[in-house]
């Protein structure tokens, strides 16, 4: 997208070439195209996330999630008009943000509804999670391990859903999750 939402024909043509390059090669062989897609689109998705979510980490998570969905969509041929890549990504951003907001509202409603039934914790007995340490440890994980953990624990996806999304077997996802959690435990202790 150019300035003020105007589609730049040169950019649109370059996007179409990139879409065709990624769609034509099996996952793993389109690394150059995938890197170029990330280089081109990540800053825009991040800005969208900052504007709509108003949080650095949420914007970073949105960027990773939207680009994964975009790559999966390109590989599966869901983008029928390759020159509409920017519109596809923007639509994906909107859907993911709406989904995040719906989930947050649902959690808040459940919390409000059942708050009186929740046991009150003694703060001195509650372990405190060091968010910064966890973030540093997550950054040390391989990208695939990080993606699997985010999709399972943050997006609440099943191993089968993650497997289908990443093109792996559910058993492979469980192994990746198990090893990644082990690395996280080791890093956090």
N, C-alpha and C. Protein backbone atom coordinates (compact mmCIF):
# COMPACT_ATOMS: atom_id res chain seq x y z
N UNK A 1 0.84 -1.17 0.00
CA UNK A 1 0.00 0.00 0.00
C UNK A 1 0.88 1.23 0.00
N UNK A 2 0.54 2.18 -0.81
CA UNK A 2 1.25 3.44 -0.83
C UNK A 2 0.69 4.36 0.23
N UNK A 3 0.93 5.64 0.07
CA UNK A 3 0.43 6.61 1.03
C UNK A 3 -1.08 6.73 0.92
N UNK A 4 -1.74 6.89 2.06
CA UNK A 4 -3.19 7.12 2.14
C UNK A 4 -4.00 6.01 1.49
N UNK A 5 -3.52 4.77 1.55
CA UNK A 5 -4.28 3.63 1.07
C UNK A 5 -4.31 3.45 -0.44
N UNK A 6 -3.54 4.24 -1.19
CA UNK A 6 -3.49 4.12 -2.64
C UNK A 6 -2.54 3.00 -3.01
N UNK A 7 -2.98 2.09 -3.86
CA UNK A 7 -2.15 0.95 -4.25
C UNK A 7 -1.15 1.41 -5.31
N UNK A 8 0.11 1.16 -5.04
CA UNK A 8 1.20 1.49 -5.96
C UNK A 8 1.31 0.35 -6.97
N UNK A 9 1.14 0.62 -8.29
CA UNK A 9 1.18 -0.47 -9.28
C UNK A 9 2.51 -1.20 -9.32
N UNK A 10 3.63 -0.49 -9.10
CA UNK A 10 4.95 -1.14 -9.10
C UNK A 10 5.05 -2.08 -7.91
N UNK A 11 4.62 -1.60 -6.75
CA UNK A 11 4.65 -2.42 -5.54
C UNK A 11 3.71 -3.62 -5.69
N UNK A 12 2.55 -3.40 -6.28
CA UNK A 12 1.58 -4.47 -6.48
C UNK A 12 2.15 -5.55 -7.40
N UNK A 13 2.87 -5.14 -8.43
CA UNK A 13 3.49 -6.10 -9.35
C UNK A 13 4.59 -6.88 -8.65
N UNK A 14 5.39 -6.20 -7.83
CA UNK A 14 6.46 -6.87 -7.07
C UNK A 14 5.84 -7.84 -6.07
N UNK A 15 4.73 -7.45 -5.44
CA UNK A 15 4.03 -8.34 -4.51
C UNK A 15 3.54 -9.59 -5.24
N UNK A 16 2.98 -9.40 -6.43
CA UNK A 16 2.46 -10.54 -7.21
C UNK A 16 3.59 -11.50 -7.55
N UNK A 17 4.75 -10.97 -7.95
CA UNK A 17 5.91 -11.81 -8.25
C UNK A 17 6.34 -12.60 -7.02
N UNK A 18 6.34 -11.92 -5.87
CA UNK A 18 6.74 -12.56 -4.62
C UNK A 18 5.75 -13.68 -4.24
N UNK A 19 4.47 -13.40 -4.38
CA UNK A 19 3.44 -14.40 -4.07
C UNK A 19 3.63 -15.63 -4.95
N UNK A 20 3.86 -15.43 -6.24
CA UNK A 20 4.04 -16.56 -7.16
C UNK A 20 5.29 -17.36 -6.80
N UNK A 21 6.37 -16.65 -6.42
CA UNK A 21 7.62 -17.33 -6.05
C UNK A 21 7.40 -18.22 -4.83
N UNK A 22 6.72 -17.71 -3.81
CA UNK A 22 6.49 -18.49 -2.59
C UNK A 22 5.55 -19.66 -2.86
N UNK A 23 4.49 -19.41 -3.64
CA UNK A 23 3.50 -20.45 -3.91
C UNK A 23 4.07 -21.57 -4.78
N UNK A 24 5.05 -21.25 -5.63
CA UNK A 24 5.59 -22.23 -6.57
C UNK A 24 6.54 -23.22 -5.92
N UNK A 25 7.16 -22.85 -4.81
CA UNK A 25 8.16 -23.71 -4.19
C UNK A 25 7.62 -24.37 -2.93
N UNK A 26 8.09 -25.59 -2.63
CA UNK A 26 7.66 -26.23 -1.38
C UNK A 26 8.21 -25.46 -0.18
N UNK A 27 7.52 -25.56 0.99
CA UNK A 27 8.02 -24.88 2.19
C UNK A 27 9.48 -25.25 2.44
N UNK A 28 10.26 -24.26 2.79
CA UNK A 28 11.68 -24.50 3.05
C UNK A 28 12.55 -24.17 1.85
N UNK A 29 11.98 -24.27 0.64
CA UNK A 29 12.77 -23.94 -0.55
C UNK A 29 12.53 -22.51 -1.01
N UNK A 30 11.53 -21.85 -0.42
CA UNK A 30 11.21 -20.47 -0.82
C UNK A 30 11.76 -19.49 0.21
N UNK A 31 12.89 -19.83 0.83
CA UNK A 31 13.46 -19.00 1.89
C UNK A 31 13.69 -17.55 1.48
N UNK A 32 14.23 -17.33 0.27
CA UNK A 32 14.49 -15.96 -0.17
C UNK A 32 13.18 -15.17 -0.28
N UNK A 33 12.18 -15.79 -0.85
CA UNK A 33 10.88 -15.14 -0.98
C UNK A 33 10.24 -14.88 0.37
N UNK A 34 10.36 -15.85 1.28
CA UNK A 34 9.79 -15.69 2.61
C UNK A 34 10.50 -14.57 3.37
N UNK A 35 11.83 -14.50 3.23
CA UNK A 35 12.59 -13.43 3.87
C UNK A 35 12.19 -12.07 3.31
N UNK A 36 12.01 -12.00 2.02
CA UNK A 36 11.61 -10.75 1.37
C UNK A 36 10.21 -10.35 1.83
N UNK A 37 9.30 -11.33 1.93
CA UNK A 37 7.95 -11.06 2.42
C UNK A 37 8.02 -10.47 3.82
N UNK A 38 8.83 -11.08 4.67
CA UNK A 38 8.97 -10.59 6.05
C UNK A 38 9.55 -9.17 6.05
N UNK A 39 10.60 -8.95 5.27
CA UNK A 39 11.25 -7.65 5.22
C UNK A 39 10.26 -6.56 4.78
N UNK A 40 9.43 -6.89 3.80
CA UNK A 40 8.49 -5.93 3.25
C UNK A 40 7.30 -5.67 4.15
N UNK A 41 6.77 -6.73 4.74
CA UNK A 41 5.48 -6.61 5.42
C UNK A 41 5.56 -6.49 6.94
N UNK A 42 6.60 -7.02 7.57
CA UNK A 42 6.67 -7.01 9.03
C UNK A 42 6.55 -5.60 9.62
N UNK A 43 7.26 -4.60 9.07
CA UNK A 43 7.12 -3.25 9.67
C UNK A 43 5.69 -2.72 9.60
N UNK A 44 4.98 -3.00 8.51
CA UNK A 44 3.60 -2.53 8.37
C UNK A 44 2.67 -3.22 9.36
N UNK A 45 2.84 -4.53 9.50
CA UNK A 45 1.99 -5.28 10.42
C UNK A 45 2.27 -4.82 11.85
N UNK A 46 3.54 -4.60 12.17
CA UNK A 46 3.91 -4.15 13.51
C UNK A 46 3.27 -2.79 13.80
N UNK A 47 3.32 -1.86 12.85
CA UNK A 47 2.69 -0.55 13.03
C UNK A 47 1.18 -0.70 13.23
N UNK A 48 0.56 -1.58 12.47
CA UNK A 48 -0.87 -1.83 12.64
C UNK A 48 -1.13 -2.33 14.07
N UNK A 49 -0.29 -3.24 14.52
CA UNK A 49 -0.43 -3.77 15.88
C UNK A 49 -0.25 -2.70 16.94
N UNK A 50 0.75 -1.85 16.78
CA UNK A 50 0.97 -0.77 17.74
C UNK A 50 -0.23 0.18 17.77
N UNK A 51 -0.75 0.48 16.61
CA UNK A 51 -1.88 1.41 16.52
C UNK A 51 -3.14 0.82 17.16
N UNK A 52 -3.39 -0.47 16.93
CA UNK A 52 -4.65 -1.06 17.38
C UNK A 52 -4.57 -1.78 18.71
N UNK A 53 -3.38 -2.24 19.08
CA UNK A 53 -3.24 -2.98 20.34
C UNK A 53 -2.52 -2.16 21.41
N UNK A 54 -1.80 -1.15 20.99
CA UNK A 54 -1.10 -0.21 21.88
C UNK A 54 -0.16 -0.91 22.87
N UNK A 55 0.53 -1.92 22.37
CA UNK A 55 1.46 -2.66 23.22
C UNK A 55 2.55 -3.25 22.34
N UNK A 56 3.82 -3.05 22.72
CA UNK A 56 4.95 -3.52 21.91
C UNK A 56 4.92 -5.04 21.71
N UNK A 57 4.75 -5.78 22.82
CA UNK A 57 4.78 -7.24 22.73
C UNK A 57 3.59 -7.78 21.94
N UNK A 58 2.43 -7.18 22.15
CA UNK A 58 1.24 -7.61 21.40
C UNK A 58 1.44 -7.36 19.90
N UNK A 59 2.08 -6.23 19.57
CA UNK A 59 2.36 -5.91 18.15
C UNK A 59 3.35 -6.92 17.57
N UNK A 60 4.35 -7.30 18.36
CA UNK A 60 5.33 -8.29 17.89
C UNK A 60 4.66 -9.65 17.69
N UNK A 61 3.79 -10.03 18.62
CA UNK A 61 3.06 -11.29 18.49
C UNK A 61 2.13 -11.25 17.27
N UNK A 62 1.46 -10.12 17.07
CA UNK A 62 0.58 -9.97 15.92
C UNK A 62 1.38 -10.13 14.63
N UNK A 63 2.55 -9.51 14.57
CA UNK A 63 3.39 -9.58 13.37
C UNK A 63 3.72 -11.04 13.05
N UNK A 64 4.17 -11.78 14.05
CA UNK A 64 4.53 -13.18 13.82
C UNK A 64 3.31 -13.99 13.38
N UNK A 65 2.20 -13.79 14.04
CA UNK A 65 1.01 -14.57 13.73
C UNK A 65 0.48 -14.25 12.33
N UNK A 66 0.40 -12.95 12.00
CA UNK A 66 -0.13 -12.56 10.69
C UNK A 66 0.77 -13.06 9.56
N UNK A 67 2.09 -12.97 9.75
CA UNK A 67 2.99 -13.42 8.68
C UNK A 67 2.95 -14.94 8.53
N UNK A 68 2.78 -15.66 9.62
CA UNK A 68 2.62 -17.12 9.51
C UNK A 68 1.33 -17.47 8.75
N UNK A 69 0.24 -16.78 9.09
CA UNK A 69 -1.03 -17.03 8.41
C UNK A 69 -0.89 -16.67 6.93
N UNK A 70 -0.20 -15.57 6.65
CA UNK A 70 -0.01 -15.14 5.26
C UNK A 70 0.79 -16.18 4.48
N UNK A 71 1.90 -16.66 5.05
CA UNK A 71 2.70 -17.68 4.36
C UNK A 71 1.88 -18.94 4.11
N UNK A 72 1.13 -19.36 5.12
CA UNK A 72 0.31 -20.56 4.96
C UNK A 72 -0.73 -20.33 3.86
N UNK A 73 -1.31 -19.13 3.83
CA UNK A 73 -2.29 -18.80 2.80
C UNK A 73 -1.69 -18.80 1.41
N UNK A 74 -0.46 -18.28 1.29
CA UNK A 74 0.21 -18.25 -0.01
C UNK A 74 0.55 -19.66 -0.47
N UNK A 75 1.03 -20.49 0.46
CA UNK A 75 1.41 -21.87 0.11
C UNK A 75 0.19 -22.69 -0.31
N UNK A 76 -0.95 -22.42 0.33
CA UNK A 76 -2.14 -23.22 0.02
C UNK A 76 -2.95 -22.63 -1.13
N UNK A 77 -2.52 -21.50 -1.66
CA UNK A 77 -3.20 -20.90 -2.80
C UNK A 77 -4.47 -20.15 -2.45
N UNK A 78 -4.63 -19.76 -1.17
CA UNK A 78 -5.84 -19.03 -0.77
C UNK A 78 -5.89 -17.61 -1.34
N UNK A 79 -4.73 -17.07 -1.71
CA UNK A 79 -4.71 -15.73 -2.30
C UNK A 79 -4.83 -15.89 -3.81
N UNK A 80 -6.04 -15.70 -4.32
CA UNK A 80 -6.31 -15.94 -5.73
C UNK A 80 -5.79 -14.83 -6.64
N UNK A 81 -5.67 -13.62 -6.11
CA UNK A 81 -5.16 -12.50 -6.89
C UNK A 81 -3.83 -12.05 -6.28
N UNK A 82 -2.71 -12.54 -6.81
CA UNK A 82 -1.40 -12.27 -6.21
C UNK A 82 -1.06 -10.79 -6.04
N UNK A 83 -1.64 -9.91 -6.87
CA UNK A 83 -1.33 -8.49 -6.74
C UNK A 83 -2.09 -7.85 -5.57
N UNK A 84 -2.92 -8.62 -4.87
CA UNK A 84 -3.69 -8.12 -3.73
C UNK A 84 -3.07 -8.53 -2.39
N UNK A 85 -1.77 -8.78 -2.38
CA UNK A 85 -1.08 -9.23 -1.16
C UNK A 85 -1.29 -8.24 -0.02
N UNK A 86 -1.12 -6.95 -0.26
CA UNK A 86 -1.26 -5.96 0.81
C UNK A 86 -2.66 -6.00 1.41
N UNK A 87 -3.67 -6.15 0.58
CA UNK A 87 -5.05 -6.22 1.07
C UNK A 87 -5.27 -7.50 1.88
N UNK A 88 -4.70 -8.60 1.42
CA UNK A 88 -4.80 -9.88 2.13
C UNK A 88 -4.20 -9.75 3.53
N UNK A 89 -3.01 -9.13 3.60
CA UNK A 89 -2.32 -8.97 4.89
C UNK A 89 -3.12 -8.04 5.81
N UNK A 90 -3.64 -6.95 5.27
CA UNK A 90 -4.43 -6.02 6.07
C UNK A 90 -5.69 -6.72 6.61
N UNK A 91 -6.35 -7.48 5.77
CA UNK A 91 -7.53 -8.23 6.21
C UNK A 91 -7.18 -9.23 7.29
N UNK A 92 -6.03 -9.88 7.14
CA UNK A 92 -5.57 -10.84 8.15
C UNK A 92 -5.30 -10.12 9.47
N UNK A 93 -4.67 -8.95 9.40
CA UNK A 93 -4.42 -8.14 10.60
C UNK A 93 -5.73 -7.84 11.32
N UNK A 94 -6.71 -7.38 10.55
CA UNK A 94 -8.00 -7.04 11.15
C UNK A 94 -8.63 -8.24 11.84
N UNK A 95 -8.62 -9.39 11.16
CA UNK A 95 -9.24 -10.59 11.73
C UNK A 95 -8.54 -11.05 13.00
N UNK A 96 -7.21 -11.02 12.99
CA UNK A 96 -6.46 -11.47 14.18
C UNK A 96 -6.71 -10.52 15.34
N UNK A 97 -6.70 -9.21 15.10
CA UNK A 97 -6.95 -8.24 16.17
C UNK A 97 -8.37 -8.41 16.71
N UNK A 98 -9.35 -8.58 15.83
CA UNK A 98 -10.73 -8.81 16.29
C UNK A 98 -10.82 -10.07 17.14
N UNK A 99 -10.13 -11.12 16.71
CA UNK A 99 -10.12 -12.38 17.46
C UNK A 99 -9.48 -12.18 18.83
N UNK A 100 -8.37 -11.45 18.88
CA UNK A 100 -7.71 -11.17 20.17
C UNK A 100 -8.64 -10.41 21.10
N UNK A 101 -9.33 -9.41 20.55
CA UNK A 101 -10.26 -8.62 21.38
C UNK A 101 -11.43 -9.46 21.87
N UNK A 102 -11.97 -10.30 20.98
CA UNK A 102 -13.08 -11.19 21.39
C UNK A 102 -12.63 -12.12 22.51
N UNK A 103 -11.44 -12.70 22.37
CA UNK A 103 -10.93 -13.60 23.41
C UNK A 103 -10.73 -12.87 24.72
N UNK A 104 -10.20 -11.65 24.67
CA UNK A 104 -9.98 -10.87 25.89
C UNK A 104 -11.33 -10.54 26.55
N UNK A 105 -12.33 -10.17 25.74
CA UNK A 105 -13.65 -9.87 26.29
C UNK A 105 -14.29 -11.11 26.90
N UNK A 106 -14.12 -12.25 26.23
CA UNK A 106 -14.69 -13.50 26.74
C UNK A 106 -14.04 -13.87 28.08
N UNK A 107 -12.70 -13.74 28.15
CA UNK A 107 -12.00 -14.02 29.41
C UNK A 107 -12.48 -13.09 30.51
N UNK A 108 -12.65 -11.80 30.19
CA UNK A 108 -13.09 -10.83 31.20
C UNK A 108 -14.50 -11.14 31.67
N UNK A 109 -15.39 -11.50 30.75
CA UNK A 109 -16.77 -11.85 31.14
C UNK A 109 -16.77 -13.07 32.06
N UNK A 110 -15.96 -14.08 31.70
CA UNK A 110 -15.89 -15.28 32.55
C UNK A 110 -15.32 -14.93 33.92
N UNK A 111 -14.29 -14.11 33.94
CA UNK A 111 -13.69 -13.70 35.20
C UNK A 111 -14.71 -12.94 36.05
N UNK A 112 -15.43 -12.00 35.43
CA UNK A 112 -16.45 -11.24 36.17
C UNK A 112 -17.54 -12.16 36.69
N UNK A 113 -17.94 -13.12 35.85
CA UNK A 113 -19.03 -14.02 36.21
C UNK A 113 -18.64 -14.94 37.38
N UNK A 114 -17.39 -15.43 37.37
CA UNK A 114 -17.00 -16.42 38.37
C UNK A 114 -16.03 -15.89 39.41
N UNK A 115 -15.83 -14.59 39.45
CA UNK A 115 -14.85 -14.00 40.38
C UNK A 115 -15.12 -14.42 41.83
N UNK A 116 -16.38 -14.39 42.27
CA UNK A 116 -16.68 -14.72 43.66
C UNK A 116 -16.38 -16.18 43.98
N UNK A 117 -16.36 -17.05 42.96
CA UNK A 117 -16.07 -18.47 43.18
C UNK A 117 -14.58 -18.78 43.20
N UNK A 118 -13.75 -17.84 42.75
CA UNK A 118 -12.31 -18.08 42.68
C UNK A 118 -11.70 -17.99 44.07
N UNK A 119 -10.82 -18.93 44.39
CA UNK A 119 -10.16 -18.83 45.70
C UNK A 119 -9.22 -17.62 45.69
N UNK A 120 -9.14 -16.95 46.81
CA UNK A 120 -8.22 -15.82 46.90
C UNK A 120 -6.86 -16.37 47.31
N UNK A 121 -5.86 -15.93 46.61
CA UNK A 121 -4.50 -16.44 46.85
C UNK A 121 -3.79 -15.56 47.86
N UNK A 122 -2.99 -16.21 48.67
CA UNK A 122 -2.11 -15.49 49.58
C UNK A 122 -0.91 -15.04 48.76
N UNK A 123 -0.72 -13.71 48.59
CA UNK A 123 0.36 -13.22 47.74
C UNK A 123 1.74 -13.74 48.14
N UNK A 124 1.94 -14.02 49.42
CA UNK A 124 3.25 -14.51 49.85
C UNK A 124 3.49 -15.94 49.39
N UNK A 125 2.41 -16.67 49.05
CA UNK A 125 2.54 -18.06 48.62
C UNK A 125 2.51 -18.21 47.09
N UNK A 126 2.23 -17.12 46.40
CA UNK A 126 2.10 -17.18 44.95
C UNK A 126 3.46 -16.96 44.29
N UNK A 127 3.91 -17.92 43.47
CA UNK A 127 5.18 -17.69 42.77
C UNK A 127 5.03 -16.55 41.77
N UNK A 128 6.07 -15.77 41.62
CA UNK A 128 6.04 -14.64 40.70
C UNK A 128 6.81 -15.01 39.45
N UNK A 129 6.18 -14.82 38.30
CA UNK A 129 6.82 -15.11 37.02
C UNK A 129 7.58 -13.88 36.57
N UNK A 130 8.83 -14.06 36.25
CA UNK A 130 9.65 -12.96 35.76
C UNK A 130 9.42 -12.85 34.25
N UNK A 131 8.56 -11.90 33.86
CA UNK A 131 8.18 -11.74 32.45
C UNK A 131 9.38 -11.45 31.57
N UNK A 132 10.30 -10.61 32.04
CA UNK A 132 11.48 -10.28 31.22
C UNK A 132 12.36 -11.50 31.00
N UNK A 133 12.54 -12.29 32.05
CA UNK A 133 13.35 -13.50 31.91
C UNK A 133 12.68 -14.48 30.94
N UNK A 134 11.36 -14.60 31.05
CA UNK A 134 10.63 -15.48 30.14
C UNK A 134 10.77 -15.00 28.70
N UNK A 135 10.64 -13.70 28.49
CA UNK A 135 10.77 -13.14 27.13
C UNK A 135 12.17 -13.42 26.58
N UNK A 136 13.20 -13.24 27.41
CA UNK A 136 14.58 -13.53 26.95
C UNK A 136 14.74 -15.00 26.63
N UNK A 137 14.18 -15.86 27.45
CA UNK A 137 14.29 -17.30 27.21
C UNK A 137 13.53 -17.70 25.94
N UNK A 138 12.37 -17.10 25.71
CA UNK A 138 11.61 -17.39 24.49
C UNK A 138 12.40 -16.96 23.26
N UNK A 139 13.10 -15.83 23.34
CA UNK A 139 13.90 -15.35 22.22
C UNK A 139 15.05 -16.30 21.89
N UNK A 140 15.52 -17.04 22.89
CA UNK A 140 16.62 -17.97 22.67
C UNK A 140 16.18 -19.25 21.96
N UNK A 141 14.88 -19.52 21.98
CA UNK A 141 14.37 -20.72 21.31
C UNK A 141 14.45 -20.54 19.80
N UNK A 142 14.51 -21.66 19.10
CA UNK A 142 14.45 -21.63 17.64
C UNK A 142 13.08 -21.10 17.23
N UNK A 143 12.99 -20.50 16.07
CA UNK A 143 11.74 -19.87 15.63
C UNK A 143 10.58 -20.87 15.61
N UNK A 144 10.84 -22.08 15.15
CA UNK A 144 9.76 -23.08 15.09
C UNK A 144 9.29 -23.45 16.49
N UNK A 145 10.23 -23.60 17.43
CA UNK A 145 9.85 -23.92 18.82
C UNK A 145 9.00 -22.79 19.41
N UNK A 146 9.44 -21.55 19.18
CA UNK A 146 8.72 -20.39 19.68
C UNK A 146 7.32 -20.34 19.08
N UNK A 147 7.22 -20.59 17.78
CA UNK A 147 5.92 -20.57 17.10
C UNK A 147 4.99 -21.62 17.68
N UNK A 148 5.51 -22.83 17.89
CA UNK A 148 4.69 -23.91 18.45
C UNK A 148 4.17 -23.52 19.84
N UNK A 149 5.04 -22.99 20.69
CA UNK A 149 4.62 -22.61 22.05
C UNK A 149 3.60 -21.48 22.02
N UNK A 150 3.83 -20.49 21.18
CA UNK A 150 2.88 -19.36 21.09
C UNK A 150 1.52 -19.84 20.61
N UNK A 151 1.52 -20.69 19.58
CA UNK A 151 0.25 -21.16 19.03
C UNK A 151 -0.50 -22.04 20.03
N UNK A 152 0.22 -22.87 20.79
CA UNK A 152 -0.44 -23.78 21.72
C UNK A 152 -0.87 -23.06 23.00
N UNK A 153 0.01 -22.26 23.59
CA UNK A 153 -0.30 -21.69 24.90
C UNK A 153 -0.91 -20.30 24.83
N UNK A 154 -0.59 -19.51 23.81
CA UNK A 154 -1.16 -18.16 23.71
C UNK A 154 -2.42 -18.17 22.86
N UNK A 155 -2.36 -18.83 21.71
CA UNK A 155 -3.51 -18.88 20.81
C UNK A 155 -4.46 -20.03 21.15
N UNK A 156 -4.03 -20.90 22.09
CA UNK A 156 -4.84 -22.03 22.56
C UNK A 156 -5.24 -22.96 21.41
N UNK A 157 -4.27 -23.26 20.54
CA UNK A 157 -4.49 -24.18 19.43
C UNK A 157 -4.12 -25.60 19.88
N UNK A 158 -4.73 -26.60 19.25
CA UNK A 158 -4.37 -27.99 19.55
C UNK A 158 -3.11 -28.36 18.76
N UNK A 159 -2.48 -29.45 19.16
CA UNK A 159 -1.31 -29.94 18.42
C UNK A 159 -1.68 -30.24 16.98
N UNK A 160 -2.89 -30.74 16.76
CA UNK A 160 -3.34 -31.06 15.41
C UNK A 160 -3.48 -29.78 14.57
N UNK A 161 -4.04 -28.72 15.18
CA UNK A 161 -4.19 -27.44 14.47
C UNK A 161 -2.82 -26.89 14.08
N UNK A 162 -1.90 -26.91 15.04
CA UNK A 162 -0.55 -26.38 14.80
C UNK A 162 0.15 -27.21 13.73
N UNK A 163 -0.03 -28.54 13.81
CA UNK A 163 0.59 -29.44 12.83
C UNK A 163 0.09 -29.10 11.42
N UNK A 164 -1.21 -28.93 11.27
CA UNK A 164 -1.77 -28.59 9.96
C UNK A 164 -1.26 -27.25 9.47
N UNK A 165 -1.14 -26.30 10.37
CA UNK A 165 -0.68 -24.96 9.99
C UNK A 165 0.78 -24.98 9.55
N UNK A 166 1.62 -25.74 10.26
CA UNK A 166 3.06 -25.76 9.97
C UNK A 166 3.45 -26.87 8.99
N UNK A 167 2.51 -27.71 8.62
CA UNK A 167 2.82 -28.77 7.67
C UNK A 167 3.64 -29.89 8.29
N UNK A 168 3.42 -30.17 9.58
CA UNK A 168 4.13 -31.23 10.29
C UNK A 168 3.11 -32.21 10.86
N UNK A 169 3.60 -33.31 11.42
CA UNK A 169 2.67 -34.26 12.05
C UNK A 169 2.39 -33.81 13.49
N UNK A 170 1.21 -34.17 14.02
CA UNK A 170 0.90 -33.83 15.42
C UNK A 170 1.95 -34.40 16.39
N UNK A 171 2.47 -35.59 16.10
CA UNK A 171 3.51 -36.17 16.96
C UNK A 171 4.76 -35.30 16.94
N UNK A 172 5.12 -34.79 15.78
CA UNK A 172 6.29 -33.91 15.66
C UNK A 172 6.07 -32.63 16.47
N UNK A 173 4.86 -32.09 16.44
CA UNK A 173 4.53 -30.88 17.20
C UNK A 173 4.68 -31.15 18.70
N UNK A 174 4.21 -32.33 19.15
CA UNK A 174 4.33 -32.66 20.58
C UNK A 174 5.79 -32.78 21.00
N UNK A 175 6.63 -33.34 20.13
CA UNK A 175 8.07 -33.45 20.43
C UNK A 175 8.69 -32.05 20.50
N UNK A 176 8.37 -31.21 19.53
CA UNK A 176 8.89 -29.83 19.52
C UNK A 176 8.45 -29.10 20.78
N UNK A 177 7.17 -29.24 21.15
CA UNK A 177 6.65 -28.59 22.36
C UNK A 177 7.38 -29.08 23.60
N UNK A 178 7.54 -30.38 23.72
CA UNK A 178 8.21 -30.98 24.88
C UNK A 178 9.64 -30.46 25.01
N UNK A 179 10.38 -30.47 23.92
CA UNK A 179 11.77 -30.00 23.94
C UNK A 179 11.85 -28.51 24.23
N UNK A 180 10.95 -27.74 23.64
CA UNK A 180 10.95 -26.29 23.85
C UNK A 180 10.64 -25.96 25.31
N UNK A 181 9.68 -26.69 25.91
CA UNK A 181 9.37 -26.46 27.32
C UNK A 181 10.56 -26.84 28.21
N UNK A 182 11.25 -27.89 27.84
CA UNK A 182 12.45 -28.27 28.59
C UNK A 182 13.51 -27.18 28.54
N UNK A 183 13.72 -26.62 27.35
CA UNK A 183 14.70 -25.52 27.20
C UNK A 183 14.26 -24.30 28.00
N UNK A 184 12.96 -24.02 27.99
CA UNK A 184 12.45 -22.89 28.75
C UNK A 184 12.67 -23.09 30.25
N UNK A 185 12.33 -24.29 30.74
CA UNK A 185 12.53 -24.59 32.17
C UNK A 185 13.99 -24.41 32.56
N UNK A 186 14.87 -24.95 31.72
CA UNK A 186 16.31 -24.86 31.98
C UNK A 186 16.77 -23.41 31.98
N UNK A 187 16.30 -22.64 31.03
CA UNK A 187 16.69 -21.23 30.92
C UNK A 187 16.15 -20.41 32.11
N UNK A 188 14.95 -20.72 32.56
CA UNK A 188 14.32 -19.94 33.63
C UNK A 188 14.89 -20.29 35.01
N UNK A 189 15.54 -21.48 35.14
CA UNK A 189 16.03 -21.85 36.47
C UNK A 189 17.47 -21.49 36.70
